[in-house]
Amino acid sequence: MAQNATIHKIELTVSDMDRHYYETHKLTVAKHPSETDERLMVRLLAFALNAHEHLEMTKGLSTDDEPDIWQKSLSGEIDVWVALGLPSEKVMRQSCGKAAKVIVYPYGGRVAEMWWDKVRNSTTRFDNLHVVSFSEADTGALAKLASRAMKLQVNIQDGDVMVSVDESVVYVTPNTLKGAP
């Protein structure tokens, strides 16, 4: 019998001094049975880094032709396409053709580094592609914060990120591999 998704209720408060964005988002996030706590928290971090009133979570892992997060214009065009993990060159190429801006957040330590070494040269022609990685230590620490009901505070200043849940704080340093930070 197939497992059902686990529902997480998240109150995400974003204070982004770099973009002058200050807002609280109440999110109901379905965690796919195959999704780890690490991936869930990277997804929430990616949402915070790109927070906008029209940004929304998609069906993610359960749908092949959608990103994990997207922002659509009022007329339905995809303004921002956010993907997590290690997408293939083909998926990145297709994504860059569908959206004005594509952001990929690879994570996983050495595996992510090897992925980037493999795909880096084939991505040079995509001016709308941004690749920002997170260290394995940072994402591992984020995973420990995960729970089914969270009040998550994300502060962003000078490119550095502080994520806090209750008394626990994790500092994350995004590493821009391609595109503007």
C-alpha atoms as a PDB file:
ATOM      1  CA  MET A   1       0.000   0.000   0.000  1.00  0.00           C
ATOM      2  CA  ALA A   2       1.347   3.420  -0.963  1.00  0.00           C
ATOM      3  CA  GLN A   3       2.205   5.851   1.792  1.00  0.00           C
ATOM      4  CA  ASN A   4       0.494   9.210   1.925  1.00  0.00           C
ATOM      5  CA  ALA A   5       2.271  12.537   2.064  1.00  0.00           C
ATOM      6  CA  THR A   6       2.889  14.017   5.511  1.00  0.00           C
ATOM      7  CA  ILE A   7       1.359  17.456   5.970  1.00  0.00           C
ATOM      8  CA  HIS A   8       3.481  20.159   7.584  1.00  0.00           C
ATOM      9  CA  LYS A   9       1.992  23.442   8.820  1.00  0.00           C
ATOM     10  CA  ILE A  10       4.608  26.172   8.622  1.00  0.00           C
ATOM     11  CA  GLU A  11       4.561  29.798   9.586  1.00  0.00           C
ATOM     12  CA  LEU A  12       7.521  31.229   7.677  1.00  0.00           C
ATOM     13  CA  THR A  13       8.600  34.738   8.580  1.00  0.00           C
ATOM     14  CA  VAL A  14      11.065  36.204   6.098  1.00  0.00           C
ATOM     15  CA  SER A  15      13.161  39.271   6.876  1.00  0.00           C
ATOM     16  CA  ASP A  16      15.261  39.850   3.763  1.00  0.00           C
ATOM     17  CA  MET A  17      17.321  42.997   4.281  1.00  0.00           C
ATOM     18  CA  ASP A  18      19.006  42.523   0.882  1.00  0.00           C
ATOM     19  CA  ARG A  19      15.715  42.718  -1.058  1.00  0.00           C
ATOM     20  CA  HIS A  20      13.753  44.751   1.519  1.00  0.00           C
ATOM     21  CA  TYR A  21      11.150  42.016   1.781  1.00  0.00           C
ATOM     22  CA  TYR A  22       9.444  41.450   5.148  1.00  0.00           C
ATOM     23  CA  GLU A  23       6.470  39.104   5.274  1.00  0.00           C
ATOM     24  CA  THR A  24       4.998  36.100   7.053  1.00  0.00           C
ATOM     25  CA  HIS A  25       3.758  33.197   4.932  1.00  0.00           C
ATOM     26  CA  LYS A  26       1.438  30.525   6.288  1.00  0.00           C
ATOM     27  CA  LEU A  27       2.271  27.389   4.315  1.00  0.00           C
ATOM     28  CA  THR A  28       0.748  23.951   4.227  1.00  0.00           C
ATOM     29  CA  VAL A  29       3.434  21.724   2.755  1.00  0.00           C
ATOM     30  CA  ALA A  30       2.952  18.113   1.707  1.00  0.00           C
ATOM     31  CA  LYS A  31       6.108  16.098   2.305  1.00  0.00           C
ATOM     32  CA  HIS A  32       6.276  13.283  -0.240  1.00  0.00           C
ATOM     33  CA  PRO A  33       6.947   9.835   1.346  1.00  0.00           C
ATOM     34  CA  SER A  34      10.349   9.702  -0.384  1.00  0.00           C
ATOM     35  CA  GLU A  35      11.301  13.246   0.651  1.00  0.00           C
ATOM     36  CA  THR A  36      13.802  13.624   3.481  1.00  0.00           C
ATOM     37  CA  ASP A  37      13.675  16.238   6.236  1.00  0.00           C
ATOM     38  CA  GLU A  38      16.797  17.734   4.643  1.00  0.00           C
ATOM     39  CA  ARG A  39      15.043  18.231   1.294  1.00  0.00           C
ATOM     40  CA  LEU A  40      11.941  19.653   2.992  1.00  0.00           C
ATOM     41  CA  MET A  41      14.049  22.222   4.828  1.00  0.00           C
ATOM     42  CA  VAL A  42      16.017  23.110   1.669  1.00  0.00           C
ATOM     43  CA  ARG A  43      12.665  23.636  -0.051  1.00  0.00           C
ATOM     44  CA  LEU A  44      11.559  26.013   2.713  1.00  0.00           C
ATOM     45  CA  LEU A  45      14.914  27.817   2.580  1.00  0.00           C
ATOM     46  CA  ALA A  46      14.611  28.198  -1.203  1.00  0.00           C
ATOM     47  CA  PHE A  47      11.105  29.604  -0.705  1.00  0.00           C
ATOM     48  CA  ALA A  48      12.442  32.132   1.817  1.00  0.00           C
ATOM     49  CA  LEU A  49      15.341  33.162  -0.446  1.00  0.00           C
ATOM     50  CA  ASN A  50      12.891  33.900  -3.274  1.00  0.00           C
ATOM     51  CA  ALA A  51       9.890  34.981  -1.205  1.00  0.00           C
ATOM     52  CA  HIS A  52       7.307  36.999  -3.106  1.00  0.00           C
ATOM     53  CA  GLU A  53       3.571  37.411  -2.814  1.00  0.00           C
ATOM     54  CA  HIS A  54       3.033  35.223  -5.920  1.00  0.00           C
ATOM     55  CA  LEU A  55       5.606  32.531  -5.066  1.00  0.00           C
ATOM     56  CA  GLU A  56       4.073  29.121  -4.402  1.00  0.00           C
ATOM     57  CA  MET A  57       4.976  25.516  -3.737  1.00  0.00           C
ATOM     58  CA  THR A  58       4.044  23.068  -6.486  1.00  0.00           C
ATOM     59  CA  LYS A  59       3.335  19.340  -6.397  1.00  0.00           C
ATOM     60  CA  GLY A  60       7.127  18.931  -6.589  1.00  0.00           C
ATOM     61  CA  LEU A  61       8.361  15.345  -6.506  1.00  0.00           C
ATOM     62  CA  SER A  62       5.068  13.906  -7.690  1.00  0.00           C
ATOM     63  CA  THR A  63       5.052  15.907 -10.959  1.00  0.00           C
ATOM     64  CA  ASP A  64       7.791  15.746 -13.600  1.00  0.00           C
ATOM     65  CA  ASP A  65       6.972  18.904 -15.562  1.00  0.00           C
ATOM     66  CA  GLU A  66       6.795  21.310 -12.607  1.00  0.00           C
ATOM     67  CA  PRO A  67       9.539  22.738 -10.422  1.00  0.00           C
ATOM     68  CA  ASP A  68       9.485  22.540  -6.623  1.00  0.00           C
ATOM     69  CA  ILE A  69       8.539  26.212  -6.359  1.00  0.00           C
ATOM     70  CA  TRP A  70       7.403  28.747  -8.916  1.00  0.00           C
ATOM     71  CA  GLN A  71       6.233  32.279  -9.333  1.00  0.00           C
ATOM     72  CA  LYS A  72       3.799  33.018 -12.120  1.00  0.00           C
ATOM     73  CA  SER A  73       2.774  36.358 -13.552  1.00  0.00           C
ATOM     74  CA  LEU A  74      -0.858  37.420 -13.458  1.00  0.00           C
ATOM     75  CA  SER A  75      -1.163  36.306 -17.086  1.00  0.00           C
ATOM     76  CA  GLY A  76       0.178  32.812 -16.306  1.00  0.00           C
ATOM     77  CA  GLU A  77       3.774  32.990 -17.558  1.00  0.00           C
ATOM     78  CA  ILE A  78       6.397  31.463 -15.280  1.00  0.00           C
ATOM     79  CA  ASP A  79       8.574  34.266 -13.904  1.00  0.00           C
ATOM     80  CA  VAL A  80      10.672  32.151 -11.521  1.00  0.00           C
ATOM     81  CA  TRP A  81      11.287  28.395 -11.647  1.00  0.00           C
ATOM     82  CA  VAL A  82      12.998  26.950  -8.542  1.00  0.00           C
ATOM     83  CA  ALA A  83      14.372  23.409  -8.627  1.00  0.00           C
ATOM     84  CA  LEU A  84      16.108  21.464  -5.867  1.00  0.00           C
ATOM     85  CA  GLY A  85      18.699  18.760  -6.106  1.00  0.00           C
ATOM     86  CA  LEU A  86      20.640  17.643  -9.161  1.00  0.00           C
ATOM     87  CA  PRO A  87      18.550  18.067 -12.320  1.00  0.00           C
ATOM     88  CA  SER A  88      19.794  16.702 -15.629  1.00  0.00           C
ATOM     89  CA  GLU A  89      21.100  18.955 -18.391  1.00  0.00           C
ATOM     90  CA  LYS A  90      17.891  18.258 -20.326  1.00  0.00           C
ATOM     91  CA  VAL A  91      15.665  19.339 -17.427  1.00  0.00           C
ATOM     92  CA  MET A  92      17.680  22.554 -16.937  1.00  0.00           C
ATOM     93  CA  ARG A  93      17.512  23.319 -20.668  1.00  0.00           C
ATOM     94  CA  GLN A  94      13.735  22.792 -20.721  1.00  0.00           C
ATOM     95  CA  SER A  95      13.296  24.862 -17.558  1.00  0.00           C
ATOM     96  CA  CYS A  96      15.286  27.753 -19.023  1.00  0.00           C
ATOM     97  CA  GLY A  97      12.978  27.697 -22.036  1.00  0.00           C
ATOM     98  CA  LYS A  98       9.842  27.835 -19.886  1.00  0.00           C
ATOM     99  CA  ALA A  99      10.729  30.527 -17.332  1.00  0.00           C
ATOM    100  CA  ALA A 100      12.204  34.006 -17.242  1.00  0.00           C
ATOM    101  CA  LYS A 101      14.487  33.012 -14.339  1.00  0.00           C
ATOM    102  CA  VAL A 102      15.554  29.516 -13.265  1.00  0.00           C
ATOM    103  CA  ILE A 103      17.238  28.870  -9.926  1.00  0.00           C
ATOM    104  CA  VAL A 104      18.688  25.476  -9.063  1.00  0.00           C
ATOM    105  CA  TYR A 105      19.655  24.689  -5.475  1.00  0.00           C
ATOM    106  CA  PRO A 106      21.933  21.623  -5.461  1.00  0.00           C
ATOM    107  CA  TYR A 107      22.846  20.082  -2.111  1.00  0.00           C
ATOM    108  CA  GLY A 108      24.414  16.881  -0.884  1.00  0.00           C
ATOM    109  CA  GLY A 109      28.101  17.629  -0.481  1.00  0.00           C
ATOM    110  CA  ARG A 110      30.508  15.820  -2.794  1.00  0.00           C
ATOM    111  CA  VAL A 111      27.705  14.418  -4.975  1.00  0.00           C
ATOM    112  CA  ALA A 112      26.501  17.972  -5.726  1.00  0.00           C
ATOM    113  CA  GLU A 113      30.065  19.080  -6.519  1.00  0.00           C
ATOM    114  CA  MET A 114      30.493  16.192  -8.967  1.00  0.00           C
ATOM    115  CA  TRP A 115      27.114  17.023 -10.570  1.00  0.00           C
ATOM    116  CA  TRP A 116      28.156  20.664 -11.066  1.00  0.00           C
ATOM    117  CA  ASP A 117      31.532  19.661 -12.558  1.00  0.00           C
ATOM    118  CA  LYS A 118      29.631  17.496 -15.054  1.00  0.00           C
ATOM    119  CA  VAL A 119      26.955  20.029 -16.126  1.00  0.00           C
ATOM    120  CA  ARG A 120      28.766  23.377 -15.711  1.00  0.00           C
ATOM    121  CA  ASN A 121      29.990  23.728 -19.310  1.00  0.00           C
ATOM    122  CA  SER A 122      26.615  22.854 -20.823  1.00  0.00           C
ATOM    123  CA  THR A 123      24.899  25.641 -18.848  1.00  0.00           C
ATOM    124  CA  THR A 124      27.002  28.580 -20.010  1.00  0.00           C
ATOM    125  CA  ARG A 125      24.531  29.575 -22.754  1.00  0.00           C
ATOM    126  CA  PHE A 126      21.650  30.045 -20.298  1.00  0.00           C
ATOM    127  CA  ASP A 127      21.722  33.636 -19.062  1.00  0.00           C
ATOM    128  CA  ASN A 128      18.526  33.086 -17.064  1.00  0.00           C
ATOM    129  CA  LEU A 129      20.004  30.168 -15.053  1.00  0.00           C
ATOM    130  CA  HIS A 130      21.259  30.667 -11.498  1.00  0.00           C
ATOM    131  CA  VAL A 131      22.839  27.875  -9.466  1.00  0.00           C
ATOM    132  CA  VAL A 132      23.258  28.309  -5.711  1.00  0.00           C
ATOM    133  CA  SER A 133      24.532  25.455  -3.550  1.00  0.00           C
ATOM    134  CA  PHE A 134      24.394  24.745   0.160  1.00  0.00           C
ATOM    135  CA  SER A 135      26.991  22.825   2.146  1.00  0.00           C
ATOM    136  CA  GLU A 136      26.197  19.389   3.487  1.00  0.00           C
ATOM    137  CA  ALA A 137      26.836  20.639   7.027  1.00  0.00           C
ATOM    138  CA  ASP A 138      24.327  23.486   6.601  1.00  0.00           C
ATOM    139  CA  THR A 139      21.554  21.315   5.146  1.00  0.00           C
ATOM    140  CA  GLY A 140      22.182  18.597   7.720  1.00  0.00           C
ATOM    141  CA  ALA A 141      21.767  21.152  10.504  1.00  0.00           C
ATOM    142  CA  LEU A 142      18.556  22.433   8.871  1.00  0.00           C
ATOM    143  CA  ALA A 143      17.147  18.895   8.734  1.00  0.00           C
ATOM    144  CA  LYS A 144      17.390  18.674  12.529  1.00  0.00           C
ATOM    145  CA  LEU A 145      14.997  21.639  12.824  1.00  0.00           C
ATOM    146  CA  ALA A 146      12.210  19.898  10.894  1.00  0.00           C
ATOM    147  CA  SER A 147       8.898  19.169  12.569  1.00  0.00           C
ATOM    148  CA  ARG A 148       5.258  18.904  11.451  1.00  0.00           C
ATOM    149  CA  ALA A 149       4.353  22.311  12.883  1.00  0.00           C
ATOM    150  CA  MET A 150       7.027  24.990  12.688  1.00  0.00           C
ATOM    151  CA  LYS A 151       7.376  28.692  13.238  1.00  0.00           C
ATOM    152  CA  LEU A 152      10.377  29.326  11.057  1.00  0.00           C
ATOM    153  CA  GLN A 153      12.176  32.680  11.050  1.00  0.00           C
ATOM    154  CA  VAL A 154      14.573  33.369   8.168  1.00  0.00           C
ATOM    155  CA  ASN A 155      16.771  36.469   8.249  1.00  0.00           C
ATOM    156  CA  ILE A 156      18.815  37.338   5.171  1.00  0.00           C
ATOM    157  CA  GLN A 157      21.492  40.025   5.173  1.00  0.00           C
ATOM    158  CA  ASP A 158      24.521  40.512   2.917  1.00  0.00           C
ATOM    159  CA  GLY A 159      23.869  37.096   1.365  1.00  0.00           C
ATOM    160  CA  ASP A 160      24.102  35.273   4.696  1.00  0.00           C
ATOM    161  CA  VAL A 161      21.093  33.424   6.064  1.00  0.00           C
ATOM    162  CA  MET A 162      20.024  32.755   9.635  1.00  0.00           C
ATOM    163  CA  VAL A 163      17.260  30.187  10.124  1.00  0.00           C
ATOM    164  CA  SER A 164      15.676  29.800  13.533  1.00  0.00           C
ATOM    165  CA  VAL A 165      12.986  27.585  15.015  1.00  0.00           C
ATOM    166  CA  ASP A 166      12.229  28.270  18.669  1.00  0.00           C
ATOM    167  CA  GLU A 167      15.639  28.426  20.410  1.00  0.00           C
ATOM    168  CA  SER A 168      17.551  26.619  17.646  1.00  0.00           C
ATOM    169  CA  VAL A 169      19.511  28.656  15.107  1.00  0.00           C
ATOM    170  CA  VAL A 170      21.301  27.522  11.942  1.00  0.00           C
ATOM    171  CA  TYR A 171      23.522  29.792   9.865  1.00  0.00           C
ATOM    172  CA  VAL A 172      23.589  29.022   6.153  1.00  0.00           C
ATOM    173  CA  THR A 173      25.985  30.455   3.607  1.00  0.00           C
ATOM    174  CA  PRO A 174      24.661  30.068   0.056  1.00  0.00           C
ATOM    175  CA  ASN A 175      27.419  29.525  -2.512  1.00  0.00           C
ATOM    176  CA  THR A 176      26.633  31.068  -5.913  1.00  0.00           C
ATOM    177  CA  LEU A 177      27.996  28.816  -8.655  1.00  0.00           C
ATOM    178  CA  LYS A 178      26.337  30.570 -11.625  1.00  0.00           C
ATOM    179  CA  GLY A 179      24.423  33.815 -12.040  1.00  0.00           C
ATOM    180  CA  ALA A 180      24.004  36.782  -9.763  1.00  0.00           C
ATOM    181  CA  PRO A 181      23.874  36.077  -6.016  1.00  0.00           C
END
